[in-house]
Amino acid sequence: MAQNRVPITLSIPPDLARQFTKLAKEESKNKSQLFRDMFRAFQRLRQEREFFELQRYGAEQARKKKVLTEADVEKIVFKDR
């Protein structure tokens, strides 16, 4: 049977290791489960940050082109139709 887990090694300061172990116990998870959950949460935060950065960029470009209302967008979309 193929292994569905890959072990990794991390080096962290002793105080952080103690906090991590304590948090795992408080969450009733083993360290691997806690790390996976933390990693997924971090990925979600990065995706949200990227979304908001793209949203800000789009809003900035729209302002530069004087596209300020939904009607302005519709004019552009239906212009050549």
N, C-alpha and C. Protein backbone atom coordinates (compact mmCIF):
# COMPACT_ATOMS: atom_id res chain seq x y z
N MET A 1 0.85 -1.18 0.00
CA MET A 1 0.00 0.00 0.00
C MET A 1 0.89 1.24 0.00
N ALA A 2 0.56 2.22 -0.81
CA ALA A 2 1.34 3.45 -0.90
C ALA A 2 1.14 4.28 0.35
N GLN A 3 2.22 4.92 0.78
CA GLN A 3 2.16 5.78 1.95
C GLN A 3 1.47 7.09 1.58
N ASN A 4 0.50 7.51 2.38
CA ASN A 4 -0.23 8.73 2.06
C ASN A 4 0.21 9.91 2.93
N ARG A 5 1.35 9.78 3.56
CA ARG A 5 1.91 10.84 4.39
C ARG A 5 3.41 10.94 4.09
N VAL A 6 3.93 12.14 4.17
CA VAL A 6 5.36 12.37 3.98
C VAL A 6 5.87 13.07 5.24
N PRO A 7 6.79 12.46 5.95
CA PRO A 7 7.30 13.12 7.15
C PRO A 7 8.19 14.31 6.78
N ILE A 8 8.05 15.38 7.56
CA ILE A 8 8.93 16.53 7.39
C ILE A 8 9.51 16.89 8.75
N THR A 9 10.62 17.57 8.74
CA THR A 9 11.26 17.99 9.98
C THR A 9 11.33 19.51 10.00
N LEU A 10 10.94 20.08 11.12
CA LEU A 10 10.99 21.53 11.30
C LEU A 10 11.83 21.84 12.52
N SER A 11 12.56 22.92 12.45
CA SER A 11 13.32 23.39 13.61
C SER A 11 12.70 24.70 14.08
N ILE A 12 12.30 24.73 15.36
CA ILE A 12 11.72 25.94 15.93
C ILE A 12 12.35 26.16 17.30
N PRO A 13 12.31 27.39 17.79
CA PRO A 13 12.87 27.67 19.11
C PRO A 13 12.12 26.88 20.19
N PRO A 14 12.82 26.54 21.28
CA PRO A 14 12.20 25.74 22.35
C PRO A 14 10.91 26.33 22.89
N ASP A 15 10.86 27.64 23.08
CA ASP A 15 9.64 28.26 23.62
C ASP A 15 8.46 28.06 22.67
N LEU A 16 8.72 28.23 21.38
CA LEU A 16 7.66 28.03 20.39
C LEU A 16 7.23 26.56 20.36
N ALA A 17 8.17 25.66 20.52
CA ALA A 17 7.85 24.23 20.56
C ALA A 17 6.94 23.91 21.74
N ARG A 18 7.24 24.52 22.89
CA ARG A 18 6.39 24.30 24.07
C ARG A 18 4.98 24.85 23.83
N GLN A 19 4.90 26.04 23.24
CA GLN A 19 3.59 26.62 22.95
C GLN A 19 2.81 25.76 21.97
N PHE A 20 3.51 25.23 20.97
CA PHE A 20 2.87 24.38 19.97
C PHE A 20 2.33 23.11 20.61
N THR A 21 3.12 22.49 21.45
CA THR A 21 2.70 21.27 22.15
C THR A 21 1.50 21.55 23.04
N LYS A 22 1.55 22.69 23.76
CA LYS A 22 0.44 23.07 24.63
C LYS A 22 -0.83 23.30 23.82
N LEU A 23 -0.70 24.00 22.70
CA LEU A 23 -1.85 24.28 21.86
C LEU A 23 -2.46 22.98 21.31
N ALA A 24 -1.60 22.05 20.91
CA ALA A 24 -2.09 20.77 20.39
C ALA A 24 -2.91 20.06 21.47
N LYS A 25 -2.41 20.07 22.69
CA LYS A 25 -3.15 19.42 23.79
C LYS A 25 -4.47 20.14 24.03
N GLU A 26 -4.45 21.48 24.04
CA GLU A 26 -5.67 22.24 24.28
C GLU A 26 -6.72 21.99 23.19
N GLU A 27 -6.25 21.77 21.97
CA GLU A 27 -7.15 21.51 20.84
C GLU A 27 -7.50 20.03 20.70
N SER A 28 -6.94 19.20 21.56
CA SER A 28 -7.14 17.74 21.52
C SER A 28 -6.74 17.17 20.15
N LYS A 29 -5.59 17.60 19.68
CA LYS A 29 -5.06 17.13 18.40
C LYS A 29 -3.62 16.72 18.59
N ASN A 30 -3.15 15.83 17.71
CA ASN A 30 -1.73 15.57 17.75
C ASN A 30 -1.03 16.67 16.95
N LYS A 31 0.28 16.73 17.04
CA LYS A 31 1.01 17.83 16.41
C LYS A 31 0.84 17.84 14.89
N SER A 32 0.74 16.69 14.28
CA SER A 32 0.55 16.62 12.83
C SER A 32 -0.81 17.21 12.43
N GLN A 33 -1.84 16.84 13.17
CA GLN A 33 -3.17 17.37 12.88
C GLN A 33 -3.20 18.89 13.05
N LEU A 34 -2.60 19.37 14.13
CA LEU A 34 -2.57 20.80 14.38
C LEU A 34 -1.80 21.52 13.27
N PHE A 35 -0.67 20.97 12.87
CA PHE A 35 0.11 21.61 11.80
C PHE A 35 -0.69 21.66 10.50
N ARG A 36 -1.36 20.56 10.15
CA ARG A 36 -2.17 20.54 8.93
C ARG A 36 -3.26 21.60 8.98
N ASP A 37 -3.95 21.70 10.13
CA ASP A 37 -5.00 22.70 10.28
C ASP A 37 -4.44 24.12 10.18
N MET A 38 -3.30 24.35 10.81
CA MET A 38 -2.68 25.67 10.77
C MET A 38 -2.24 26.01 9.35
N PHE A 39 -1.70 25.04 8.65
CA PHE A 39 -1.24 25.27 7.29
C PHE A 39 -2.42 25.60 6.37
N ARG A 40 -3.52 24.86 6.51
CA ARG A 40 -4.71 25.15 5.70
C ARG A 40 -5.27 26.55 6.00
N ALA A 41 -5.27 26.92 7.27
CA ALA A 41 -5.75 28.25 7.65
C ALA A 41 -4.84 29.32 7.03
N PHE A 42 -3.55 29.09 7.03
CA PHE A 42 -2.61 30.03 6.43
C PHE A 42 -2.85 30.14 4.92
N GLN A 43 -3.10 29.01 4.28
CA GLN A 43 -3.39 29.04 2.84
C GLN A 43 -4.64 29.86 2.55
N ARG A 44 -5.69 29.70 3.36
CA ARG A 44 -6.92 30.47 3.17
C ARG A 44 -6.65 31.97 3.33
N LEU A 45 -5.86 32.32 4.34
CA LEU A 45 -5.53 33.73 4.55
C LEU A 45 -4.77 34.31 3.35
N ARG A 46 -3.85 33.53 2.80
CA ARG A 46 -3.10 33.99 1.62
C ARG A 46 -4.02 34.19 0.43
N GLN A 47 -4.96 33.26 0.23
CA GLN A 47 -5.91 33.38 -0.88
C GLN A 47 -6.79 34.62 -0.70
N GLU A 48 -7.24 34.87 0.52
CA GLU A 48 -8.04 36.07 0.79
C GLU A 48 -7.23 37.32 0.50
N ARG A 49 -5.99 37.34 0.96
CA ARG A 49 -5.13 38.50 0.73
C ARG A 49 -4.94 38.74 -0.76
N GLU A 50 -4.70 37.68 -1.51
CA GLU A 50 -4.52 37.80 -2.95
C GLU A 50 -5.80 38.33 -3.61
N PHE A 51 -6.95 37.82 -3.18
CA PHE A 51 -8.22 38.29 -3.73
C PHE A 51 -8.39 39.79 -3.50
N PHE A 52 -8.15 40.24 -2.26
CA PHE A 52 -8.32 41.65 -1.95
C PHE A 52 -7.31 42.53 -2.68
N GLU A 53 -6.10 42.02 -2.87
CA GLU A 53 -5.11 42.78 -3.65
C GLU A 53 -5.58 42.93 -5.10
N LEU A 54 -6.11 41.86 -5.68
CA LEU A 54 -6.63 41.94 -7.04
C LEU A 54 -7.83 42.87 -7.11
N GLN A 55 -8.66 42.83 -6.10
CA GLN A 55 -9.83 43.70 -6.05
C GLN A 55 -9.39 45.17 -6.00
N ARG A 56 -8.39 45.47 -5.16
CA ARG A 56 -7.88 46.84 -5.08
C ARG A 56 -7.28 47.28 -6.42
N TYR A 57 -6.53 46.38 -7.04
CA TYR A 57 -5.93 46.69 -8.34
C TYR A 57 -7.02 46.99 -9.38
N GLY A 58 -8.05 46.17 -9.42
CA GLY A 58 -9.13 46.37 -10.37
C GLY A 58 -9.85 47.69 -10.13
N ALA A 59 -10.08 48.02 -8.86
CA ALA A 59 -10.76 49.28 -8.53
C ALA A 59 -9.89 50.46 -8.95
N GLU A 60 -8.59 50.35 -8.74
CA GLU A 60 -7.67 51.42 -9.13
C GLU A 60 -7.67 51.62 -10.65
N GLN A 61 -7.64 50.52 -11.38
CA GLN A 61 -7.67 50.61 -12.84
C GLN A 61 -8.99 51.20 -13.33
N ALA A 62 -10.08 50.83 -12.69
CA ALA A 62 -11.39 51.36 -13.08
C ALA A 62 -11.44 52.88 -12.85
N ARG A 63 -10.91 53.32 -11.70
CA ARG A 63 -10.89 54.77 -11.44
C ARG A 63 -10.06 55.51 -12.48
N LYS A 64 -8.93 54.93 -12.86
CA LYS A 64 -8.07 55.56 -13.86
C LYS A 64 -8.80 55.72 -15.19
N LYS A 65 -9.65 54.76 -15.51
CA LYS A 65 -10.38 54.79 -16.79
C LYS A 65 -11.75 55.44 -16.65
N LYS A 66 -12.00 56.02 -15.47
CA LYS A 66 -13.27 56.71 -15.20
C LYS A 66 -14.47 55.77 -15.29
N VAL A 67 -14.27 54.52 -14.93
CA VAL A 67 -15.36 53.55 -14.86
C VAL A 67 -15.76 53.50 -13.39
N LEU A 68 -16.80 54.27 -13.06
CA LEU A 68 -17.16 54.45 -11.66
C LEU A 68 -18.49 53.84 -11.25
N THR A 69 -19.35 53.54 -12.23
CA THR A 69 -20.66 52.99 -11.89
C THR A 69 -20.90 51.71 -12.70
N GLU A 70 -21.93 51.00 -12.31
CA GLU A 70 -22.32 49.80 -13.05
C GLU A 70 -22.74 50.17 -14.47
N ALA A 71 -23.34 51.32 -14.63
CA ALA A 71 -23.73 51.80 -15.97
C ALA A 71 -22.50 52.00 -16.85
N ASP A 72 -21.41 52.51 -16.25
CA ASP A 72 -20.15 52.67 -17.00
C ASP A 72 -19.64 51.31 -17.48
N VAL A 73 -19.73 50.32 -16.63
CA VAL A 73 -19.29 48.98 -16.99
C VAL A 73 -20.15 48.43 -18.13
N GLU A 74 -21.45 48.60 -18.04
CA GLU A 74 -22.36 48.10 -19.07
C GLU A 74 -22.08 48.76 -20.42
N LYS A 75 -21.76 50.05 -20.41
CA LYS A 75 -21.42 50.74 -21.65
C LYS A 75 -20.22 50.09 -22.33
N ILE A 76 -19.21 49.76 -21.52
CA ILE A 76 -18.01 49.12 -22.07
C ILE A 76 -18.32 47.71 -22.58
N VAL A 77 -19.06 46.94 -21.79
CA VAL A 77 -19.36 45.56 -22.13
C VAL A 77 -20.19 45.48 -23.41
N PHE A 78 -21.19 46.34 -23.52
CA PHE A 78 -22.12 46.25 -24.66
C PHE A 78 -21.76 47.20 -25.81
N LYS A 79 -20.65 47.87 -25.71
CA LYS A 79 -20.23 48.86 -26.71
C LYS A 79 -20.20 48.32 -28.13
N ASP A 80 -19.58 47.19 -28.36
CA ASP A 80 -19.41 46.65 -29.72
C ASP A 80 -20.37 45.51 -30.03
N ARG A 81 -21.41 45.36 -29.28
CA ARG A 81 -22.36 44.26 -29.52
C ARG A 81 -23.50 44.71 -30.37
